[in-house]
Amino acid sequence: MPDVLAGAPVLRPCLPADEPRMADIVNDAAVAYKGVIPADRWHEPYMPLAELQSEIAAGVRFWGAEVEGALVGVMGIQDVDNTSAQGIGDVTLVRHAYVATAQRGKGLGGQLLARLMGMVERPVLIGTWAAAVWALGFYQKHGFVLTSQAEKETLLRTYWNIPARQVETSVVLADARALGMIRG
């Protein structure tokens, strides 16, 4: 059931019918990365619809923020089970957090993040581009802590399936539970 408060956005699970709009939001918001992240990691569209659908098929569950009936922000979570000697056990990853450019700065991302954090039971990790200082600031403002270079290397290789170049140019932030397990 969607969350509805007077004057607040509607926060709700995204549906298959939302997927084209979700891809539009991601690609609109991701333009902020152009010229910031390494040129060899940028492509247009940043996330084609088929890639978004592949992420959903891989277990990313998206929630959206609606304003006046229009979907304007998305954020996904993905549970990752891990029994290997690497890492910290089972975690939840925050994946693909984007708010449409015209809606930025209104608190929608923070509301989506708070909603998703209220749903998770596992330690939470977030990966993002090292050069995306606005994303780092957003997550740090919401209580996430940047991991060390060595921690990042292990976490990205354990919980994400990304190319080595992306590992090299990314960072990982952790919530208090994850940080406690990482630094035990």
N, C-alpha and C. Protein backbone atom coordinates (compact mmCIF):
# COMPACT_ATOMS: atom_id res chain seq x y z
N MET A 1 0.85 -1.19 0.00
CA MET A 1 0.00 0.00 0.00
C MET A 1 0.89 1.24 0.00
N PRO A 2 0.61 2.21 -0.84
CA PRO A 2 1.44 3.42 -0.91
C PRO A 2 1.35 4.24 0.38
N ASP A 3 2.42 4.96 0.67
CA ASP A 3 2.43 5.90 1.78
C ASP A 3 1.88 7.22 1.26
N VAL A 4 0.85 7.75 1.92
CA VAL A 4 0.27 9.02 1.48
C VAL A 4 0.14 9.94 2.69
N LEU A 5 0.75 11.09 2.61
CA LEU A 5 0.61 12.14 3.61
C LEU A 5 0.27 13.42 2.87
N ALA A 6 -0.50 14.28 3.52
CA ALA A 6 -0.86 15.54 2.88
C ALA A 6 0.40 16.29 2.47
N GLY A 7 0.49 16.67 1.21
CA GLY A 7 1.61 17.44 0.70
C GLY A 7 2.86 16.62 0.44
N ALA A 8 2.82 15.33 0.73
CA ALA A 8 4.00 14.48 0.55
C ALA A 8 3.85 13.66 -0.72
N PRO A 9 4.97 13.21 -1.26
CA PRO A 9 4.88 12.33 -2.43
C PRO A 9 4.31 10.98 -2.02
N VAL A 10 3.82 10.26 -2.98
CA VAL A 10 3.38 8.89 -2.77
C VAL A 10 4.61 8.01 -2.99
N LEU A 11 4.95 7.20 -2.01
CA LEU A 11 6.04 6.24 -2.13
C LEU A 11 5.42 4.87 -2.30
N ARG A 12 5.80 4.20 -3.40
CA ARG A 12 5.15 2.93 -3.71
C ARG A 12 6.09 2.00 -4.46
N PRO A 13 5.79 0.69 -4.40
CA PRO A 13 6.58 -0.23 -5.22
C PRO A 13 6.37 0.09 -6.70
N CYS A 14 7.42 -0.03 -7.48
CA CYS A 14 7.29 0.16 -8.91
C CYS A 14 6.71 -1.10 -9.54
N LEU A 15 5.96 -0.90 -10.59
CA LEU A 15 5.28 -1.99 -11.30
C LEU A 15 5.90 -2.18 -12.68
N PRO A 16 5.68 -3.33 -13.30
CA PRO A 16 6.20 -3.52 -14.66
C PRO A 16 5.78 -2.41 -15.62
N ALA A 17 4.58 -1.89 -15.47
CA ALA A 17 4.12 -0.81 -16.35
C ALA A 17 4.94 0.47 -16.17
N ASP A 18 5.63 0.61 -15.04
CA ASP A 18 6.45 1.79 -14.76
C ASP A 18 7.82 1.74 -15.43
N GLU A 19 8.23 0.57 -15.93
CA GLU A 19 9.61 0.40 -16.37
C GLU A 19 10.08 1.42 -17.41
N PRO A 20 9.30 1.74 -18.44
CA PRO A 20 9.79 2.77 -19.38
C PRO A 20 10.02 4.13 -18.69
N ARG A 21 9.12 4.51 -17.80
CA ARG A 21 9.29 5.79 -17.08
C ARG A 21 10.50 5.71 -16.14
N MET A 22 10.70 4.56 -15.50
CA MET A 22 11.85 4.38 -14.62
C MET A 22 13.15 4.58 -15.41
N ALA A 23 13.23 3.99 -16.59
CA ALA A 23 14.43 4.15 -17.43
C ALA A 23 14.61 5.62 -17.81
N ASP A 24 13.50 6.31 -18.11
CA ASP A 24 13.58 7.74 -18.43
C ASP A 24 14.15 8.53 -17.25
N ILE A 25 13.70 8.22 -16.04
CA ILE A 25 14.18 8.93 -14.85
C ILE A 25 15.67 8.68 -14.66
N VAL A 26 16.07 7.42 -14.75
CA VAL A 26 17.49 7.08 -14.59
C VAL A 26 18.33 7.85 -15.60
N ASN A 27 17.94 7.82 -16.85
CA ASN A 27 18.73 8.46 -17.90
C ASN A 27 18.73 9.97 -17.80
N ASP A 28 17.62 10.55 -17.37
CA ASP A 28 17.58 12.00 -17.15
C ASP A 28 18.52 12.38 -16.02
N ALA A 29 18.42 11.70 -14.89
CA ALA A 29 19.23 12.04 -13.72
C ALA A 29 20.70 11.72 -13.93
N ALA A 30 21.00 10.65 -14.68
CA ALA A 30 22.38 10.23 -14.88
C ALA A 30 23.18 11.19 -15.75
N VAL A 31 22.53 12.11 -16.43
CA VAL A 31 23.26 13.10 -17.22
C VAL A 31 24.24 13.86 -16.32
N ALA A 32 23.93 13.93 -15.02
CA ALA A 32 24.85 14.59 -14.08
C ALA A 32 26.22 13.93 -14.06
N TYR A 33 26.29 12.65 -14.42
CA TYR A 33 27.57 11.93 -14.44
C TYR A 33 28.44 12.28 -15.65
N LYS A 34 27.80 12.75 -16.71
CA LYS A 34 28.53 13.01 -17.96
C LYS A 34 29.62 14.06 -17.71
N GLY A 35 30.85 13.70 -18.05
CA GLY A 35 31.98 14.58 -17.83
C GLY A 35 32.53 14.54 -16.42
N VAL A 36 31.89 13.76 -15.55
CA VAL A 36 32.33 13.65 -14.16
C VAL A 36 32.95 12.28 -13.92
N ILE A 37 32.23 11.25 -14.31
CA ILE A 37 32.79 9.90 -14.17
C ILE A 37 33.75 9.67 -15.34
N PRO A 38 34.60 8.67 -15.25
CA PRO A 38 35.53 8.43 -16.36
C PRO A 38 34.79 8.26 -17.69
N ALA A 39 35.32 8.87 -18.72
CA ALA A 39 34.68 8.85 -20.05
C ALA A 39 34.46 7.42 -20.55
N ASP A 40 35.35 6.51 -20.18
CA ASP A 40 35.18 5.13 -20.65
C ASP A 40 34.07 4.39 -19.91
N ARG A 41 33.48 4.98 -18.88
CA ARG A 41 32.37 4.36 -18.16
C ARG A 41 31.03 5.01 -18.52
N TRP A 42 31.07 6.13 -19.25
CA TRP A 42 29.84 6.83 -19.65
C TRP A 42 29.35 6.29 -20.98
N HIS A 43 28.06 6.11 -21.10
CA HIS A 43 27.45 5.74 -22.39
C HIS A 43 26.02 6.27 -22.40
N GLU A 44 25.50 6.42 -23.61
CA GLU A 44 24.12 6.92 -23.78
C GLU A 44 23.31 5.91 -24.57
N PRO A 45 22.12 5.57 -24.10
CA PRO A 45 21.61 5.99 -22.79
C PRO A 45 22.41 5.34 -21.68
N TYR A 46 22.41 5.97 -20.52
CA TYR A 46 23.18 5.46 -19.40
C TYR A 46 22.67 4.07 -18.99
N MET A 47 21.34 3.91 -18.94
CA MET A 47 20.75 2.60 -18.65
C MET A 47 19.58 2.35 -19.60
N PRO A 48 19.84 1.60 -20.64
CA PRO A 48 18.74 1.25 -21.55
C PRO A 48 17.66 0.46 -20.81
N LEU A 49 16.45 0.51 -21.32
CA LEU A 49 15.33 -0.20 -20.71
C LEU A 49 15.64 -1.68 -20.51
N ALA A 50 16.27 -2.32 -21.48
CA ALA A 50 16.60 -3.74 -21.34
C ALA A 50 17.55 -3.99 -20.17
N GLU A 51 18.47 -3.08 -19.92
CA GLU A 51 19.39 -3.22 -18.78
C GLU A 51 18.63 -3.07 -17.46
N LEU A 52 17.73 -2.11 -17.40
CA LEU A 52 16.89 -1.94 -16.21
C LEU A 52 16.10 -3.21 -15.95
N GLN A 53 15.51 -3.76 -17.00
CA GLN A 53 14.72 -4.99 -16.85
C GLN A 53 15.61 -6.16 -16.41
N SER A 54 16.84 -6.18 -16.86
CA SER A 54 17.79 -7.20 -16.44
C SER A 54 18.11 -7.07 -14.95
N GLU A 55 18.25 -5.84 -14.48
CA GLU A 55 18.50 -5.59 -13.06
C GLU A 55 17.30 -6.08 -12.22
N ILE A 56 16.10 -5.81 -12.69
CA ILE A 56 14.90 -6.27 -11.99
C ILE A 56 14.85 -7.80 -11.97
N ALA A 57 15.17 -8.41 -13.08
CA ALA A 57 15.20 -9.88 -13.16
C ALA A 57 16.25 -10.47 -12.22
N ALA A 58 17.30 -9.71 -11.94
CA ALA A 58 18.37 -10.16 -11.04
C ALA A 58 18.03 -9.91 -9.57
N GLY A 59 16.85 -9.37 -9.31
CA GLY A 59 16.41 -9.22 -7.92
C GLY A 59 16.38 -7.82 -7.36
N VAL A 60 16.63 -6.80 -8.17
CA VAL A 60 16.52 -5.43 -7.67
C VAL A 60 15.03 -5.08 -7.60
N ARG A 61 14.58 -4.71 -6.40
CA ARG A 61 13.19 -4.32 -6.17
C ARG A 61 13.14 -2.79 -6.07
N PHE A 62 12.43 -2.18 -6.99
CA PHE A 62 12.37 -0.72 -7.05
C PHE A 62 11.15 -0.16 -6.35
N TRP A 63 11.38 0.97 -5.69
CA TRP A 63 10.32 1.79 -5.15
C TRP A 63 10.38 3.12 -5.87
N GLY A 64 9.23 3.77 -5.97
CA GLY A 64 9.18 5.04 -6.65
C GLY A 64 8.54 6.12 -5.81
N ALA A 65 8.85 7.35 -6.18
CA ALA A 65 8.22 8.53 -5.59
C ALA A 65 7.36 9.16 -6.67
N GLU A 66 6.10 9.34 -6.36
CA GLU A 66 5.14 9.97 -7.27
C GLU A 66 4.78 11.35 -6.75
N VAL A 67 4.75 12.31 -7.62
CA VAL A 67 4.30 13.65 -7.29
C VAL A 67 3.19 14.00 -8.27
N GLU A 68 2.04 14.33 -7.74
CA GLU A 68 0.86 14.67 -8.55
C GLU A 68 0.60 13.60 -9.61
N GLY A 69 0.72 12.35 -9.21
CA GLY A 69 0.41 11.22 -10.09
C GLY A 69 1.50 10.83 -11.06
N ALA A 70 2.63 11.54 -11.05
CA ALA A 70 3.72 11.23 -11.97
C ALA A 70 4.91 10.65 -11.21
N LEU A 71 5.43 9.55 -11.70
CA LEU A 71 6.63 8.94 -11.13
C LEU A 71 7.82 9.85 -11.42
N VAL A 72 8.53 10.29 -10.37
CA VAL A 72 9.63 11.24 -10.54
C VAL A 72 10.94 10.79 -9.89
N GLY A 73 10.91 9.69 -9.16
CA GLY A 73 12.12 9.18 -8.53
C GLY A 73 12.04 7.69 -8.32
N VAL A 74 13.19 7.02 -8.39
CA VAL A 74 13.24 5.58 -8.17
C VAL A 74 14.46 5.22 -7.34
N MET A 75 14.34 4.14 -6.59
CA MET A 75 15.46 3.62 -5.81
C MET A 75 15.22 2.14 -5.62
N GLY A 76 16.27 1.36 -5.81
CA GLY A 76 16.13 -0.08 -5.68
C GLY A 76 16.92 -0.64 -4.53
N ILE A 77 16.49 -1.81 -4.08
CA ILE A 77 17.25 -2.58 -3.10
C ILE A 77 17.38 -4.00 -3.63
N GLN A 78 18.48 -4.63 -3.26
CA GLN A 78 18.75 -5.98 -3.72
C GLN A 78 19.41 -6.75 -2.58
N ASP A 79 18.79 -7.84 -2.18
CA ASP A 79 19.39 -8.71 -1.18
C ASP A 79 20.43 -9.58 -1.86
N VAL A 80 21.61 -9.66 -1.24
CA VAL A 80 22.69 -10.49 -1.78
C VAL A 80 23.13 -11.44 -0.66
N ASP A 81 22.98 -12.73 -0.93
CA ASP A 81 23.42 -13.75 0.01
C ASP A 81 24.88 -14.05 -0.24
N ASN A 82 25.62 -14.22 0.84
CA ASN A 82 27.05 -14.49 0.69
C ASN A 82 27.52 -15.39 1.82
N THR A 83 28.00 -16.54 1.46
CA THR A 83 28.54 -17.47 2.46
C THR A 83 30.04 -17.68 2.27
N SER A 84 30.64 -16.87 1.39
CA SER A 84 32.08 -17.03 1.13
C SER A 84 32.89 -16.46 2.28
N ALA A 85 34.16 -16.74 2.27
CA ALA A 85 35.06 -16.23 3.29
C ALA A 85 35.25 -14.72 3.16
N GLN A 86 35.01 -14.18 1.97
CA GLN A 86 35.10 -12.75 1.74
C GLN A 86 33.82 -12.07 2.21
N GLY A 87 33.90 -10.80 2.48
CA GLY A 87 32.70 -10.03 2.79
C GLY A 87 32.24 -10.18 4.22
N ILE A 88 31.00 -9.77 4.47
CA ILE A 88 30.47 -9.71 5.83
C ILE A 88 29.19 -10.52 5.99
N GLY A 89 28.91 -11.43 5.08
CA GLY A 89 27.68 -12.20 5.15
C GLY A 89 26.63 -11.63 4.22
N ASP A 90 25.39 -11.92 4.51
CA ASP A 90 24.28 -11.47 3.68
C ASP A 90 24.05 -9.97 3.90
N VAL A 91 23.82 -9.25 2.80
CA VAL A 91 23.62 -7.80 2.86
C VAL A 91 22.47 -7.39 1.95
N THR A 92 22.05 -6.15 2.10
CA THR A 92 21.15 -5.51 1.15
C THR A 92 21.92 -4.37 0.50
N LEU A 93 21.85 -4.31 -0.81
CA LEU A 93 22.48 -3.22 -1.56
C LEU A 93 21.41 -2.20 -1.95
N VAL A 94 21.72 -0.91 -1.81
CA VAL A 94 20.88 0.14 -2.40
C VAL A 94 21.40 0.30 -3.81
N ARG A 95 20.49 0.19 -4.79
CA ARG A 95 20.90 0.20 -6.20
C ARG A 95 20.09 1.24 -6.97
N HIS A 96 20.72 1.91 -7.88
CA HIS A 96 20.05 2.76 -8.87
C HIS A 96 19.09 3.76 -8.22
N ALA A 97 19.64 4.71 -7.50
CA ALA A 97 18.85 5.75 -6.85
C ALA A 97 18.90 7.01 -7.69
N TYR A 98 17.76 7.39 -8.24
CA TYR A 98 17.70 8.55 -9.14
C TYR A 98 16.41 9.33 -8.94
N VAL A 99 16.53 10.65 -8.99
CA VAL A 99 15.37 11.54 -8.97
C VAL A 99 15.47 12.40 -10.23
N ALA A 100 14.35 12.57 -10.91
CA ALA A 100 14.31 13.38 -12.13
C ALA A 100 14.90 14.76 -11.85
N THR A 101 15.67 15.26 -12.79
CA THR A 101 16.38 16.53 -12.62
C THR A 101 15.45 17.64 -12.13
N ALA A 102 14.27 17.74 -12.70
CA ALA A 102 13.34 18.82 -12.33
C ALA A 102 12.80 18.68 -10.91
N GLN A 103 12.99 17.53 -10.29
CA GLN A 103 12.45 17.30 -8.95
C GLN A 103 13.54 17.24 -7.87
N ARG A 104 14.78 17.44 -8.24
CA ARG A 104 15.88 17.36 -7.27
C ARG A 104 15.78 18.46 -6.23
N GLY A 105 16.34 18.17 -5.08
CA GLY A 105 16.40 19.17 -4.01
C GLY A 105 15.12 19.32 -3.23
N LYS A 106 14.17 18.41 -3.42
CA LYS A 106 12.88 18.49 -2.73
C LYS A 106 12.73 17.43 -1.65
N GLY A 107 13.81 16.67 -1.40
CA GLY A 107 13.76 15.66 -0.35
C GLY A 107 13.24 14.30 -0.78
N LEU A 108 12.96 14.13 -2.06
CA LEU A 108 12.39 12.86 -2.52
C LEU A 108 13.36 11.69 -2.34
N GLY A 109 14.63 11.91 -2.65
CA GLY A 109 15.62 10.85 -2.49
C GLY A 109 15.73 10.43 -1.03
N GLY A 110 15.75 11.39 -0.14
CA GLY A 110 15.83 11.09 1.29
C GLY A 110 14.61 10.32 1.78
N GLN A 111 13.44 10.68 1.26
CA GLN A 111 12.22 9.96 1.65
C GLN A 111 12.24 8.53 1.13
N LEU A 112 12.68 8.35 -0.11
CA LEU A 112 12.79 6.99 -0.65
C LEU A 112 13.80 6.17 0.15
N LEU A 113 14.94 6.76 0.45
CA LEU A 113 15.96 6.05 1.21
C LEU A 113 15.43 5.66 2.59
N ALA A 114 14.76 6.58 3.27
CA ALA A 114 14.21 6.28 4.59
C ALA A 114 13.19 5.14 4.51
N ARG A 115 12.35 5.18 3.49
CA ARG A 115 11.34 4.11 3.31
C ARG A 115 12.03 2.77 3.13
N LEU A 116 13.04 2.71 2.26
CA LEU A 116 13.72 1.45 2.01
C LEU A 116 14.51 0.98 3.23
N MET A 117 15.13 1.90 3.93
CA MET A 117 15.88 1.52 5.13
C MET A 117 14.95 0.95 6.20
N GLY A 118 13.72 1.41 6.22
CA GLY A 118 12.73 0.88 7.16
C GLY A 118 12.27 -0.53 6.80
N MET A 119 12.56 -0.97 5.60
CA MET A 119 12.14 -2.30 5.13
C MET A 119 13.22 -3.36 5.28
N VAL A 120 14.46 -2.96 5.37
CA VAL A 120 15.55 -3.94 5.32
C VAL A 120 15.89 -4.47 6.71
N GLU A 121 16.36 -5.70 6.72
CA GLU A 121 16.77 -6.33 7.97
C GLU A 121 18.26 -6.64 7.99
N ARG A 122 18.91 -6.52 6.86
CA ARG A 122 20.32 -6.86 6.73
C ARG A 122 21.18 -5.60 6.77
N PRO A 123 22.48 -5.76 6.98
CA PRO A 123 23.39 -4.61 6.82
C PRO A 123 23.26 -4.07 5.39
N VAL A 124 23.45 -2.76 5.22
CA VAL A 124 23.24 -2.12 3.93
C VAL A 124 24.55 -1.54 3.40
N LEU A 125 24.79 -1.79 2.11
CA LEU A 125 25.93 -1.23 1.39
C LEU A 125 25.42 -0.46 0.18
N ILE A 126 26.15 0.59 -0.16
CA ILE A 126 25.82 1.40 -1.33
C ILE A 126 27.10 1.62 -2.12
N GLY A 127 27.07 1.33 -3.40
CA GLY A 127 28.20 1.63 -4.28
C GLY A 127 27.84 2.80 -5.17
N THR A 128 28.79 3.67 -5.39
CA THR A 128 28.57 4.78 -6.31
C THR A 128 29.92 5.21 -6.88
N TRP A 129 29.86 6.08 -7.85
CA TRP A 129 31.08 6.60 -8.47
C TRP A 129 31.83 7.49 -7.48
N ALA A 130 33.13 7.32 -7.38
CA ALA A 130 33.95 8.14 -6.48
C ALA A 130 33.84 9.63 -6.81
N ALA A 131 33.71 9.96 -8.08
CA ALA A 131 33.66 11.36 -8.51
C ALA A 131 32.28 12.00 -8.33
N ALA A 132 31.28 11.23 -7.97
CA ALA A 132 29.92 11.75 -7.80
C ALA A 132 29.79 12.31 -6.38
N VAL A 133 30.43 13.45 -6.15
CA VAL A 133 30.49 14.02 -4.81
C VAL A 133 29.10 14.33 -4.25
N TRP A 134 28.15 14.68 -5.09
CA TRP A 134 26.79 14.96 -4.63
C TRP A 134 26.16 13.69 -4.05
N ALA A 135 26.43 12.53 -4.67
CA ALA A 135 25.89 11.26 -4.17
C ALA A 135 26.55 10.90 -2.83
N LEU A 136 27.87 11.09 -2.76
CA LEU A 136 28.57 10.81 -1.51
C LEU A 136 28.00 11.66 -0.38
N GLY A 137 27.83 12.95 -0.65
CA GLY A 137 27.28 13.85 0.36
C GLY A 137 25.87 13.45 0.78
N PHE A 138 25.05 13.05 -0.18
CA PHE A 138 23.68 12.62 0.12
C PHE A 138 23.70 11.43 1.07
N TYR A 139 24.46 10.41 0.74
CA TYR A 139 24.47 9.21 1.57
C TYR A 139 25.11 9.47 2.93
N GLN A 140 26.14 10.28 2.97
CA GLN A 140 26.76 10.60 4.26
C GLN A 140 25.80 11.41 5.13
N LYS A 141 25.05 12.31 4.53
CA LYS A 141 24.04 13.09 5.26
C LYS A 141 23.00 12.16 5.89
N HIS A 142 22.78 11.01 5.27
CA HIS A 142 21.79 10.05 5.77
C HIS A 142 22.42 8.93 6.58
N GLY A 143 23.64 9.16 7.08
CA GLY A 143 24.24 8.25 8.04
C GLY A 143 25.17 7.18 7.51
N PHE A 144 25.39 7.13 6.21
CA PHE A 144 26.30 6.14 5.65
C PHE A 144 27.73 6.63 5.74
N VAL A 145 28.64 5.68 5.90
CA VAL A 145 30.06 5.99 6.09
C VAL A 145 30.86 5.40 4.94
N LEU A 146 31.77 6.20 4.42
CA LEU A 146 32.65 5.76 3.34
C LEU A 146 33.62 4.71 3.88
N THR A 147 33.75 3.61 3.15
CA THR A 147 34.69 2.56 3.55
C THR A 147 36.09 2.90 3.04
N SER A 148 37.08 2.23 3.59
CA SER A 148 38.46 2.45 3.16
C SER A 148 38.67 1.86 1.77
N GLN A 149 39.78 2.18 1.16
CA GLN A 149 40.13 1.66 -0.16
C GLN A 149 40.17 0.13 -0.14
N ALA A 150 40.83 -0.45 0.86
CA ALA A 150 40.93 -1.92 0.94
C ALA A 150 39.56 -2.55 1.18
N GLU A 151 38.76 -1.94 2.05
CA GLU A 151 37.40 -2.46 2.31
C GLU A 151 36.56 -2.39 1.04
N LYS A 152 36.66 -1.25 0.34
CA LYS A 152 35.92 -1.07 -0.90
C LYS A 152 36.25 -2.15 -1.91
N GLU A 153 37.52 -2.42 -2.09
CA GLU A 153 37.96 -3.44 -3.06
C GLU A 153 37.30 -4.79 -2.76
N THR A 154 37.36 -5.20 -1.50
CA THR A 154 36.78 -6.49 -1.11
C THR A 154 35.27 -6.48 -1.29
N LEU A 155 34.61 -5.41 -0.84
CA LEU A 155 33.14 -5.35 -0.92
C LEU A 155 32.64 -5.34 -2.36
N LEU A 156 33.25 -4.53 -3.21
CA LEU A 156 32.80 -4.46 -4.60
C LEU A 156 33.00 -5.79 -5.32
N ARG A 157 34.09 -6.46 -5.05
CA ARG A 157 34.36 -7.75 -5.70
C ARG A 157 33.47 -8.87 -5.15
N THR A 158 33.02 -8.71 -3.90
CA THR A 158 32.20 -9.74 -3.27
C THR A 158 30.72 -9.59 -3.60
N TYR A 159 30.20 -8.37 -3.57
CA TYR A 159 28.76 -8.16 -3.66
C TYR A 159 28.25 -7.61 -4.98
N TRP A 160 29.10 -7.12 -5.82
CA TRP A 160 28.69 -6.57 -7.11
C TRP A 160 29.34 -7.38 -8.23
N ASN A 161 28.72 -7.36 -9.37
CA ASN A 161 29.28 -7.99 -10.56
C ASN A 161 29.55 -6.87 -11.56
N ILE A 162 30.68 -6.18 -11.37
CA ILE A 162 31.01 -5.02 -12.20
C ILE A 162 32.43 -5.18 -12.73
N PRO A 163 32.73 -4.50 -13.84
CA PRO A 163 34.08 -4.58 -14.41
C PRO A 163 35.14 -3.99 -13.48
N ALA A 164 36.37 -4.44 -13.66
CA ALA A 164 37.50 -3.96 -12.84
C ALA A 164 37.63 -2.44 -12.90
N ARG A 165 37.40 -1.85 -14.06
CA ARG A 165 37.51 -0.40 -14.20
C ARG A 165 36.48 0.32 -13.32
N GLN A 166 35.32 -0.26 -13.19
CA GLN A 166 34.30 0.34 -12.33
C GLN A 166 34.67 0.18 -10.85
N VAL A 167 35.25 -0.96 -10.50
CA VAL A 167 35.75 -1.14 -9.13
C VAL A 167 36.76 -0.05 -8.81
N GLU A 168 37.66 0.19 -9.75
CA GLU A 168 38.73 1.18 -9.58
C GLU A 168 38.19 2.59 -9.36
N THR A 169 37.06 2.92 -9.98
CA THR A 169 36.55 4.30 -9.97
C THR A 169 35.32 4.48 -9.10
N SER A 170 35.03 3.50 -8.25
CA SER A 170 33.85 3.56 -7.38
C SER A 170 34.25 3.57 -5.92
N VAL A 171 33.25 3.82 -5.08
CA VAL A 171 33.40 3.76 -3.63
C VAL A 171 32.24 2.95 -3.07
N VAL A 172 32.37 2.54 -1.81
CA VAL A 172 31.28 1.87 -1.11
C VAL A 172 31.04 2.60 0.19
N LEU A 173 29.77 2.82 0.47
CA LEU A 173 29.36 3.39 1.75
C LEU A 173 28.59 2.31 2.50
N ALA A 174 28.64 2.36 3.84
CA ALA A 174 28.03 1.33 4.66
C ALA A 174 27.20 1.96 5.77
N ASP A 175 26.09 1.29 6.12
CA ASP A 175 25.34 1.73 7.29
C ASP A 175 26.06 1.25 8.54
N ALA A 176 25.57 1.62 9.71
CA ALA A 176 26.26 1.30 10.96
C ALA A 176 26.42 -0.20 11.17
N ARG A 177 25.37 -0.97 10.82
CA ARG A 177 25.47 -2.43 10.99
C ARG A 177 26.57 -3.01 10.11
N ALA A 178 26.59 -2.61 8.85
CA ALA A 178 27.59 -3.13 7.94
C ALA A 178 28.98 -2.69 8.38
N LEU A 179 29.11 -1.43 8.76
CA LEU A 179 30.41 -0.92 9.19
C LEU A 179 30.93 -1.69 10.40
N GLY A 180 30.04 -1.98 11.35
CA GLY A 180 30.44 -2.75 12.51
C GLY A 180 30.93 -4.13 12.15
N MET A 181 30.31 -4.76 11.15
CA MET A 181 30.74 -6.08 10.72
C MET A 181 32.04 -6.01 9.93
N ILE A 182 32.19 -4.97 9.12
CA ILE A 182 33.41 -4.81 8.32
C ILE A 182 34.61 -4.60 9.22
N ARG A 183 34.43 -3.74 10.20
CA ARG A 183 35.56 -3.33 11.06
C ARG A 183 35.60 -4.09 12.37
N GLY A 184 34.57 -4.93 12.60
CA GLY A 184 34.40 -5.81 13.75
C GLY A 184 35.22 -5.54 14.89
